[in-house]
């Protein structure tokens, strides 16, 4: 993908290999905000620590203050993780990252973007719904998406009701 897809004002770009390690601190800080709603994640590696592929990670800022990690699930781009450091929250960075993911997905030939998220946490399910995502009924999940949901449950992150959502592009 080329950087022309991202307006300069958004300050969204592909991560550089040397930036991936520093993104774990962004993810940990963003995850800490969930304590406000009684959600504490189990110990373990962060999602960003599980990749060494910068072509899966869009970042905002230099140095990055937020990121979106993507993959492919059942033939669609899947948003694995969206995290913005709370010191930079509520400035539209998450929305810019999300739109960059959707722009990339469309340019890559994906007809949709999928994700899993907490249904009732205000900055999760409701936030994505305001940005064009709709809850996807289990009957509409493909085999890879169904396996991903099972994997999340096994990891112990289903600490509150979760949903699968999709935005048609």
N, C-alpha and C. Protein backbone atom coordinates (compact mmCIF):
# COMPACT_ATOMS: atom_id res chain seq x y z
N UNK A 1 0.84 -1.18 0.00
CA UNK A 1 0.00 0.00 0.00
C UNK A 1 0.87 1.23 0.00
N UNK A 2 0.39 2.27 -0.61
CA UNK A 2 1.15 3.50 -0.67
C UNK A 2 0.65 4.50 0.33
N UNK A 3 1.51 5.42 0.70
CA UNK A 3 1.14 6.41 1.71
C UNK A 3 0.14 7.43 1.17
N UNK A 4 -0.08 7.48 -0.17
CA UNK A 4 -1.03 8.44 -0.71
C UNK A 4 -2.45 8.21 -0.18
N UNK A 5 -2.72 7.02 0.30
CA UNK A 5 -4.07 6.74 0.82
C UNK A 5 -4.35 7.48 2.11
N UNK A 6 -3.33 7.97 2.76
CA UNK A 6 -3.51 8.61 4.05
C UNK A 6 -3.22 10.09 3.94
N UNK A 7 -4.22 10.95 4.19
CA UNK A 7 -3.96 12.37 4.13
C UNK A 7 -2.92 12.77 5.17
N UNK A 8 -2.09 13.74 4.81
CA UNK A 8 -1.03 14.19 5.72
C UNK A 8 -1.61 14.66 7.05
N UNK A 9 -2.79 15.24 7.01
CA UNK A 9 -3.39 15.76 8.25
C UNK A 9 -3.69 14.64 9.24
N UNK A 10 -3.93 13.44 8.73
CA UNK A 10 -4.25 12.32 9.61
C UNK A 10 -3.01 11.80 10.32
N UNK A 11 -1.83 12.04 9.71
CA UNK A 11 -0.58 11.57 10.31
C UNK A 11 -0.61 10.06 10.53
N UNK A 12 -1.29 9.34 9.66
CA UNK A 12 -1.36 7.88 9.74
C UNK A 12 -0.47 7.31 8.65
N UNK A 13 0.31 6.30 9.02
CA UNK A 13 1.26 5.70 8.09
C UNK A 13 1.52 4.27 8.51
N UNK A 14 2.24 3.54 7.67
CA UNK A 14 2.64 2.18 8.04
C UNK A 14 3.76 2.26 9.06
N UNK A 15 3.76 1.35 9.99
CA UNK A 15 4.81 1.30 11.02
C UNK A 15 6.15 0.93 10.39
N UNK A 16 7.18 1.41 11.01
CA UNK A 16 8.54 1.01 10.66
C UNK A 16 8.92 -0.16 11.58
N UNK A 17 9.76 -1.09 11.12
CA UNK A 17 10.10 -2.25 11.95
C UNK A 17 10.58 -1.88 13.35
N UNK A 18 11.36 -0.83 13.48
CA UNK A 18 11.89 -0.45 14.78
C UNK A 18 10.85 0.14 15.73
N UNK A 19 9.66 0.44 15.23
CA UNK A 19 8.62 1.03 16.08
C UNK A 19 7.75 0.00 16.77
N UNK A 20 7.76 -1.23 16.29
CA UNK A 20 6.83 -2.24 16.83
C UNK A 20 7.00 -2.46 18.32
N UNK A 21 8.23 -2.57 18.80
CA UNK A 21 8.46 -2.84 20.23
C UNK A 21 7.87 -1.74 21.10
N UNK A 22 7.98 -0.50 20.69
CA UNK A 22 7.46 0.61 21.48
C UNK A 22 5.94 0.67 21.53
N UNK A 23 5.29 0.00 20.61
CA UNK A 23 3.83 0.03 20.58
C UNK A 23 3.20 -0.78 21.70
N UNK A 24 3.96 -1.69 22.29
CA UNK A 24 3.42 -2.46 23.42
C UNK A 24 3.04 -1.53 24.56
N UNK A 25 3.83 -0.48 24.81
CA UNK A 25 3.51 0.47 25.88
C UNK A 25 2.21 1.21 25.57
N UNK A 26 1.98 1.52 24.30
CA UNK A 26 0.72 2.17 23.90
C UNK A 26 -0.45 1.24 24.19
N UNK A 27 -0.30 -0.04 23.83
CA UNK A 27 -1.38 -1.00 24.03
C UNK A 27 -1.66 -1.23 25.51
N UNK A 28 -0.61 -1.36 26.31
CA UNK A 28 -0.79 -1.57 27.75
C UNK A 28 -1.50 -0.37 28.38
N UNK A 29 -1.09 0.83 28.00
CA UNK A 29 -1.73 2.03 28.55
C UNK A 29 -3.20 2.11 28.12
N UNK A 30 -3.47 1.81 26.86
CA UNK A 30 -4.86 1.83 26.37
C UNK A 30 -5.69 0.77 27.08
N UNK A 31 -5.13 -0.41 27.28
CA UNK A 31 -5.85 -1.47 27.99
C UNK A 31 -6.16 -1.08 29.43
N UNK A 32 -5.30 -0.27 30.03
CA UNK A 32 -5.51 0.16 31.41
C UNK A 32 -6.77 0.98 31.60
N UNK A 33 -7.24 1.63 30.55
CA UNK A 33 -8.46 2.44 30.63
C UNK A 33 -9.69 1.57 30.91
N UNK A 34 -9.62 0.29 30.54
CA UNK A 34 -10.76 -0.60 30.76
C UNK A 34 -11.06 -0.81 32.24
N UNK A 35 -10.10 -0.51 33.12
CA UNK A 35 -10.34 -0.64 34.56
C UNK A 35 -11.51 0.24 34.99
N UNK A 36 -11.74 1.34 34.27
CA UNK A 36 -12.87 2.23 34.59
C UNK A 36 -14.21 1.52 34.53
N UNK A 37 -14.29 0.46 33.72
CA UNK A 37 -15.54 -0.28 33.58
C UNK A 37 -15.42 -1.68 34.16
N UNK A 38 -14.42 -1.88 35.02
CA UNK A 38 -14.27 -3.14 35.73
C UNK A 38 -13.64 -4.26 34.94
N UNK A 39 -12.95 -3.94 33.85
CA UNK A 39 -12.32 -4.97 33.02
C UNK A 39 -10.81 -4.89 33.22
N UNK A 40 -10.24 -5.99 33.66
CA UNK A 40 -8.79 -6.11 33.79
C UNK A 40 -8.36 -7.33 33.00
N UNK A 41 -7.49 -7.11 32.04
CA UNK A 41 -7.08 -8.20 31.17
C UNK A 41 -6.12 -9.15 31.88
N UNK A 42 -6.19 -10.43 31.52
CA UNK A 42 -5.27 -11.41 32.12
C UNK A 42 -3.83 -11.12 31.69
N UNK A 43 -2.88 -11.54 32.50
CA UNK A 43 -1.48 -11.31 32.12
C UNK A 43 -1.13 -12.08 30.85
N UNK A 44 -0.13 -11.58 30.17
CA UNK A 44 0.32 -12.22 28.94
C UNK A 44 0.86 -11.18 27.99
N UNK A 45 1.22 -11.62 26.82
CA UNK A 45 1.75 -10.69 25.84
C UNK A 45 0.62 -9.84 25.27
N UNK A 46 0.99 -8.66 24.81
CA UNK A 46 0.02 -7.81 24.12
C UNK A 46 -0.14 -8.32 22.69
N UNK A 47 -1.19 -7.89 22.03
CA UNK A 47 -1.39 -8.32 20.64
C UNK A 47 -0.25 -7.84 19.76
N UNK A 48 0.21 -6.61 19.99
CA UNK A 48 1.26 -6.06 19.13
C UNK A 48 2.57 -6.82 19.31
N UNK A 49 2.78 -7.38 20.49
CA UNK A 49 4.00 -8.17 20.72
C UNK A 49 3.98 -9.49 19.95
N UNK A 50 2.82 -9.87 19.46
CA UNK A 50 2.69 -11.13 18.75
C UNK A 50 2.94 -11.00 17.25
N UNK A 51 3.32 -9.80 16.80
CA UNK A 51 3.65 -9.65 15.38
C UNK A 51 5.02 -9.01 15.21
N UNK A 52 5.68 -9.41 14.16
CA UNK A 52 6.94 -8.76 13.80
C UNK A 52 6.83 -8.22 12.37
N UNK A 53 5.59 -8.07 11.91
CA UNK A 53 5.32 -7.67 10.54
C UNK A 53 4.74 -6.25 10.49
N UNK A 54 5.58 -5.24 10.20
CA UNK A 54 5.07 -3.88 10.18
C UNK A 54 4.04 -3.63 9.08
N UNK A 55 3.96 -4.51 8.09
CA UNK A 55 2.95 -4.33 7.04
C UNK A 55 1.54 -4.63 7.54
N UNK A 56 1.42 -5.08 8.78
CA UNK A 56 0.11 -5.31 9.40
C UNK A 56 -0.27 -4.18 10.35
N UNK A 57 0.58 -3.16 10.48
CA UNK A 57 0.38 -2.16 11.53
C UNK A 57 0.42 -0.75 10.97
N UNK A 58 -0.68 -0.03 11.15
CA UNK A 58 -0.75 1.39 10.85
C UNK A 58 -0.52 2.14 12.16
N UNK A 59 0.19 3.24 12.10
CA UNK A 59 0.45 4.04 13.29
C UNK A 59 0.04 5.48 13.05
N UNK A 60 -0.20 6.18 14.16
CA UNK A 60 -0.48 7.61 14.12
C UNK A 60 0.53 8.29 15.03
N UNK A 61 1.18 9.30 14.48
CA UNK A 61 2.14 10.08 15.26
C UNK A 61 3.56 9.62 15.08
N UNK A 62 4.48 10.54 15.41
CA UNK A 62 5.91 10.24 15.40
C UNK A 62 6.51 10.87 16.64
N UNK A 63 6.87 10.07 17.64
CA UNK A 63 6.69 8.62 17.70
C UNK A 63 5.21 8.26 17.79
N UNK A 64 4.87 7.03 17.46
CA UNK A 64 3.46 6.63 17.44
C UNK A 64 2.79 6.74 18.81
N UNK A 65 1.56 7.29 18.78
CA UNK A 65 0.74 7.38 19.99
C UNK A 65 -0.49 6.48 19.88
N UNK A 66 -0.64 5.86 18.71
CA UNK A 66 -1.75 4.95 18.48
C UNK A 66 -1.42 4.04 17.31
N UNK A 67 -2.13 2.91 17.27
CA UNK A 67 -1.90 1.98 16.16
C UNK A 67 -3.14 1.15 15.90
N UNK A 68 -3.18 0.62 14.69
CA UNK A 68 -4.20 -0.36 14.29
C UNK A 68 -3.45 -1.53 13.69
N UNK A 69 -3.73 -2.73 14.20
CA UNK A 69 -3.11 -3.94 13.68
C UNK A 69 -4.17 -4.73 12.93
N UNK A 70 -3.85 -5.14 11.72
CA UNK A 70 -4.83 -5.81 10.86
C UNK A 70 -4.33 -7.17 10.39
N UNK A 71 -5.27 -7.95 9.93
CA UNK A 71 -4.98 -9.24 9.30
C UNK A 71 -6.12 -9.55 8.34
N UNK A 72 -6.14 -10.76 7.86
CA UNK A 72 -7.21 -11.23 6.98
C UNK A 72 -7.92 -12.38 7.66
N UNK A 73 -9.24 -12.33 7.69
CA UNK A 73 -10.07 -13.39 8.26
C UNK A 73 -11.23 -13.64 7.30
N UNK A 74 -11.35 -14.87 6.86
CA UNK A 74 -12.44 -15.26 5.96
C UNK A 74 -12.54 -14.34 4.74
N UNK A 75 -11.40 -13.92 4.20
CA UNK A 75 -11.38 -13.13 2.99
C UNK A 75 -11.62 -11.65 3.16
N UNK A 76 -11.74 -11.19 4.40
CA UNK A 76 -11.92 -9.76 4.67
C UNK A 76 -10.80 -9.26 5.57
N UNK A 77 -10.51 -7.97 5.46
CA UNK A 77 -9.58 -7.38 6.41
C UNK A 77 -10.22 -7.42 7.78
N UNK A 78 -9.45 -7.80 8.77
CA UNK A 78 -9.92 -7.90 10.16
C UNK A 78 -9.07 -6.97 11.02
N UNK A 79 -9.73 -6.14 11.81
CA UNK A 79 -9.03 -5.26 12.74
C UNK A 79 -8.73 -6.05 14.00
N UNK A 80 -7.47 -6.44 14.15
CA UNK A 80 -7.06 -7.23 15.31
C UNK A 80 -6.99 -6.38 16.57
N UNK A 81 -6.53 -5.15 16.42
CA UNK A 81 -6.35 -4.30 17.60
C UNK A 81 -6.31 -2.85 17.15
N UNK A 82 -6.96 -2.00 17.93
CA UNK A 82 -6.89 -0.55 17.77
C UNK A 82 -6.59 0.00 19.15
N UNK A 83 -5.50 0.73 19.28
CA UNK A 83 -5.11 1.26 20.58
C UNK A 83 -4.55 2.66 20.42
N UNK A 84 -4.99 3.56 21.29
CA UNK A 84 -4.47 4.92 21.36
C UNK A 84 -4.07 5.16 22.80
N UNK A 85 -2.88 5.70 22.99
CA UNK A 85 -2.43 6.00 24.36
C UNK A 85 -3.42 6.98 24.97
N UNK A 86 -3.86 6.73 26.21
CA UNK A 86 -4.87 7.60 26.83
C UNK A 86 -4.44 9.07 26.94
N UNK A 87 -3.15 9.35 26.97
CA UNK A 87 -2.69 10.74 26.99
C UNK A 87 -3.04 11.47 25.69
N UNK A 88 -3.38 10.71 24.66
CA UNK A 88 -3.70 11.28 23.35
C UNK A 88 -5.13 10.92 22.93
N UNK A 89 -5.92 10.45 23.88
CA UNK A 89 -7.29 10.03 23.58
C UNK A 89 -8.21 11.21 23.34
N UNK A 90 -9.34 10.91 22.73
CA UNK A 90 -10.40 11.88 22.48
C UNK A 90 -9.94 13.04 21.60
N UNK A 91 -9.02 12.72 20.68
CA UNK A 91 -8.54 13.72 19.73
C UNK A 91 -8.79 13.28 18.28
N UNK A 92 -9.52 12.19 18.11
CA UNK A 92 -9.84 11.71 16.77
C UNK A 92 -8.81 10.76 16.18
N UNK A 93 -7.79 10.41 16.95
CA UNK A 93 -6.74 9.54 16.43
C UNK A 93 -7.28 8.15 16.12
N UNK A 94 -8.09 7.61 17.02
CA UNK A 94 -8.68 6.29 16.77
C UNK A 94 -9.52 6.29 15.51
N UNK A 95 -10.30 7.32 15.32
CA UNK A 95 -11.13 7.43 14.12
C UNK A 95 -10.29 7.53 12.86
N UNK A 96 -9.19 8.27 12.92
CA UNK A 96 -8.30 8.37 11.77
C UNK A 96 -7.68 7.01 11.44
N UNK A 97 -7.26 6.31 12.47
CA UNK A 97 -6.70 4.97 12.26
C UNK A 97 -7.74 4.04 11.66
N UNK A 98 -8.95 4.08 12.19
CA UNK A 98 -10.00 3.21 11.69
C UNK A 98 -10.32 3.51 10.23
N UNK A 99 -10.40 4.77 9.87
CA UNK A 99 -10.68 5.12 8.48
C UNK A 99 -9.53 4.68 7.58
N UNK A 100 -8.30 4.78 8.06
CA UNK A 100 -7.16 4.32 7.27
C UNK A 100 -7.23 2.82 7.05
N UNK A 101 -7.67 2.08 8.06
CA UNK A 101 -7.84 0.63 7.91
C UNK A 101 -8.89 0.35 6.84
N UNK A 102 -10.01 1.05 6.91
CA UNK A 102 -11.08 0.83 5.93
C UNK A 102 -10.63 1.23 4.52
N UNK A 103 -9.88 2.32 4.39
CA UNK A 103 -9.36 2.73 3.08
C UNK A 103 -8.42 1.67 2.53
N UNK A 104 -7.54 1.18 3.40
CA UNK A 104 -6.61 0.13 2.97
C UNK A 104 -7.38 -1.12 2.55
N UNK A 105 -8.36 -1.51 3.35
CA UNK A 105 -9.13 -2.72 3.04
C UNK A 105 -9.79 -2.59 1.68
N UNK A 106 -10.40 -1.45 1.41
CA UNK A 106 -11.06 -1.26 0.12
C UNK A 106 -10.04 -1.32 -1.01
N UNK A 107 -8.88 -0.69 -0.83
CA UNK A 107 -7.87 -0.69 -1.89
C UNK A 107 -7.27 -2.08 -2.10
N UNK A 108 -7.32 -2.92 -1.06
CA UNK A 108 -6.78 -4.28 -1.15
C UNK A 108 -7.82 -5.28 -1.66
N UNK A 109 -9.02 -4.79 -1.96
CA UNK A 109 -10.05 -5.66 -2.51
C UNK A 109 -10.95 -6.32 -1.49
N UNK A 110 -10.86 -5.91 -0.24
CA UNK A 110 -11.74 -6.47 0.78
C UNK A 110 -13.10 -5.78 0.70
N UNK A 111 -14.15 -6.56 0.78
CA UNK A 111 -15.49 -5.99 0.73
C UNK A 111 -15.99 -5.50 2.08
N UNK A 112 -15.22 -5.80 3.14
CA UNK A 112 -15.66 -5.44 4.49
C UNK A 112 -14.45 -5.43 5.43
N UNK A 113 -14.67 -4.84 6.59
CA UNK A 113 -13.72 -4.94 7.70
C UNK A 113 -14.49 -5.56 8.86
N UNK A 114 -13.91 -6.56 9.49
CA UNK A 114 -14.53 -7.18 10.66
C UNK A 114 -13.68 -6.90 11.88
N UNK A 115 -14.27 -7.10 13.05
CA UNK A 115 -13.57 -6.94 14.32
C UNK A 115 -14.38 -7.63 15.41
N UNK A 116 -13.73 -7.87 16.53
CA UNK A 116 -14.43 -8.32 17.74
C UNK A 116 -14.19 -7.26 18.80
N UNK A 117 -15.19 -7.03 19.65
CA UNK A 117 -15.07 -5.96 20.62
C UNK A 117 -16.07 -6.17 21.75
N UNK A 118 -15.90 -5.38 22.81
CA UNK A 118 -16.85 -5.41 23.91
C UNK A 118 -18.13 -4.71 23.48
N UNK A 119 -19.25 -5.37 23.66
CA UNK A 119 -20.55 -4.88 23.20
C UNK A 119 -20.94 -3.55 23.84
N UNK A 120 -20.75 -3.43 25.15
CA UNK A 120 -21.32 -2.31 25.88
C UNK A 120 -20.33 -1.24 26.34
N UNK A 121 -19.05 -1.47 26.18
CA UNK A 121 -18.06 -0.47 26.58
C UNK A 121 -18.18 0.70 25.61
N UNK A 122 -18.41 1.92 26.13
CA UNK A 122 -18.71 3.06 25.25
C UNK A 122 -17.70 3.30 24.13
N UNK A 123 -16.42 3.07 24.40
CA UNK A 123 -15.41 3.31 23.36
C UNK A 123 -15.12 2.04 22.56
N UNK A 124 -15.98 1.06 22.66
CA UNK A 124 -15.87 -0.17 21.86
C UNK A 124 -17.12 -0.30 20.99
N UNK A 125 -18.00 -1.24 21.29
CA UNK A 125 -19.16 -1.50 20.43
C UNK A 125 -19.91 -0.25 19.98
N UNK A 126 -20.36 0.60 20.91
CA UNK A 126 -21.09 1.81 20.48
C UNK A 126 -20.26 2.74 19.60
N UNK A 127 -18.97 2.84 19.89
CA UNK A 127 -18.08 3.71 19.11
C UNK A 127 -17.97 3.19 17.67
N UNK A 128 -17.77 1.88 17.51
CA UNK A 128 -17.70 1.30 16.17
C UNK A 128 -19.04 1.43 15.45
N UNK A 129 -20.13 1.26 16.16
CA UNK A 129 -21.46 1.39 15.54
C UNK A 129 -21.66 2.78 14.95
N UNK A 130 -21.18 3.81 15.65
CA UNK A 130 -21.29 5.17 15.13
C UNK A 130 -20.43 5.38 13.89
N UNK A 131 -19.52 4.48 13.64
CA UNK A 131 -18.62 4.57 12.49
C UNK A 131 -18.96 3.55 11.40
N UNK A 132 -20.19 3.08 11.40
CA UNK A 132 -20.66 2.25 10.31
C UNK A 132 -20.56 0.75 10.49
N UNK A 133 -20.15 0.29 11.67
CA UNK A 133 -20.06 -1.15 11.92
C UNK A 133 -21.38 -1.63 12.51
N UNK A 134 -21.76 -2.84 12.16
CA UNK A 134 -22.98 -3.45 12.68
C UNK A 134 -22.63 -4.82 13.26
N UNK A 135 -23.38 -5.22 14.28
CA UNK A 135 -23.16 -6.52 14.90
C UNK A 135 -23.49 -7.59 13.87
N UNK A 136 -22.60 -8.57 13.79
CA UNK A 136 -22.74 -9.66 12.84
C UNK A 136 -23.26 -10.88 13.59
N UNK A 137 -24.40 -11.40 13.16
CA UNK A 137 -24.99 -12.57 13.78
C UNK A 137 -24.06 -13.77 13.60
N UNK A 138 -24.03 -14.64 14.60
CA UNK A 138 -23.14 -15.80 14.56
C UNK A 138 -23.33 -16.65 13.30
N UNK A 139 -24.53 -16.71 12.79
CA UNK A 139 -24.80 -17.49 11.58
C UNK A 139 -24.06 -16.92 10.37
N UNK A 140 -23.62 -15.67 10.45
CA UNK A 140 -22.91 -15.01 9.34
C UNK A 140 -21.39 -15.11 9.46
N UNK A 141 -20.91 -15.68 10.58
CA UNK A 141 -19.46 -15.80 10.76
C UNK A 141 -18.92 -16.89 9.84
N UNK A 142 -17.76 -16.63 9.28
CA UNK A 142 -17.06 -17.68 8.54
C UNK A 142 -16.29 -18.55 9.52
N UNK A 143 -15.68 -19.62 9.04
CA UNK A 143 -14.97 -20.54 9.94
C UNK A 143 -13.78 -19.89 10.66
N UNK A 144 -13.05 -19.01 9.98
CA UNK A 144 -11.90 -18.37 10.63
C UNK A 144 -12.36 -17.40 11.72
N UNK A 145 -13.43 -16.67 11.46
CA UNK A 145 -13.96 -15.75 12.47
C UNK A 145 -14.49 -16.52 13.67
N UNK A 146 -15.18 -17.62 13.44
CA UNK A 146 -15.67 -18.45 14.54
C UNK A 146 -14.51 -18.98 15.37
N UNK A 147 -13.43 -19.41 14.71
CA UNK A 147 -12.25 -19.90 15.43
C UNK A 147 -11.58 -18.78 16.22
N UNK A 148 -11.59 -17.57 15.68
CA UNK A 148 -11.01 -16.43 16.38
C UNK A 148 -11.78 -16.13 17.67
N UNK A 149 -13.09 -16.18 17.61
CA UNK A 149 -13.91 -15.94 18.80
C UNK A 149 -13.60 -17.01 19.86
N UNK A 150 -13.51 -18.26 19.45
CA UNK A 150 -13.17 -19.34 20.39
C UNK A 150 -11.79 -19.08 21.00
N UNK A 151 -10.84 -18.68 20.18
CA UNK A 151 -9.48 -18.39 20.67
C UNK A 151 -9.50 -17.26 21.70
N UNK A 152 -10.26 -16.20 21.44
CA UNK A 152 -10.34 -15.10 22.41
C UNK A 152 -10.91 -15.59 23.74
N UNK A 153 -11.91 -16.44 23.67
CA UNK A 153 -12.49 -16.99 24.91
C UNK A 153 -11.45 -17.80 25.66
N UNK A 154 -10.68 -18.60 24.93
CA UNK A 154 -9.63 -19.41 25.56
C UNK A 154 -8.56 -18.55 26.21
N UNK A 155 -8.29 -17.38 25.63
CA UNK A 155 -7.31 -16.46 26.20
C UNK A 155 -7.82 -15.76 27.45
N UNK A 156 -9.13 -15.82 27.67
CA UNK A 156 -9.71 -15.20 28.86
C UNK A 156 -10.01 -13.72 28.71
N UNK A 157 -10.16 -13.24 27.48
CA UNK A 157 -10.45 -11.81 27.33
C UNK A 157 -11.95 -11.51 27.23
N UNK A 158 -12.78 -12.52 27.27
CA UNK A 158 -14.22 -12.28 27.25
C UNK A 158 -14.67 -11.97 28.68
N UNK A 159 -14.26 -10.78 29.14
CA UNK A 159 -14.51 -10.36 30.51
C UNK A 159 -15.81 -9.59 30.65
N UNK A 160 -16.45 -9.33 29.53
CA UNK A 160 -17.75 -8.67 29.44
C UNK A 160 -18.32 -9.12 28.10
N UNK A 161 -19.62 -8.93 27.88
CA UNK A 161 -20.20 -9.39 26.62
C UNK A 161 -19.46 -8.82 25.40
N UNK A 162 -19.13 -9.71 24.46
CA UNK A 162 -18.42 -9.32 23.26
C UNK A 162 -19.27 -9.60 22.03
N UNK A 163 -18.97 -8.87 20.98
CA UNK A 163 -19.68 -9.03 19.71
C UNK A 163 -18.67 -9.04 18.56
N UNK A 164 -19.12 -9.60 17.46
CA UNK A 164 -18.41 -9.50 16.19
C UNK A 164 -19.12 -8.41 15.39
N UNK A 165 -18.36 -7.52 14.81
CA UNK A 165 -18.95 -6.44 14.03
C UNK A 165 -18.32 -6.41 12.64
N UNK A 166 -19.07 -5.83 11.71
CA UNK A 166 -18.59 -5.74 10.32
C UNK A 166 -19.04 -4.41 9.72
N UNK A 167 -18.15 -3.83 8.96
CA UNK A 167 -18.50 -2.65 8.16
C UNK A 167 -18.32 -3.02 6.70
N UNK A 168 -19.40 -2.94 5.96
CA UNK A 168 -19.35 -3.20 4.53
C UNK A 168 -18.71 -1.98 3.87
N UNK A 169 -17.79 -2.24 2.97
CA UNK A 169 -17.08 -1.13 2.31
C UNK A 169 -17.70 -0.80 0.97
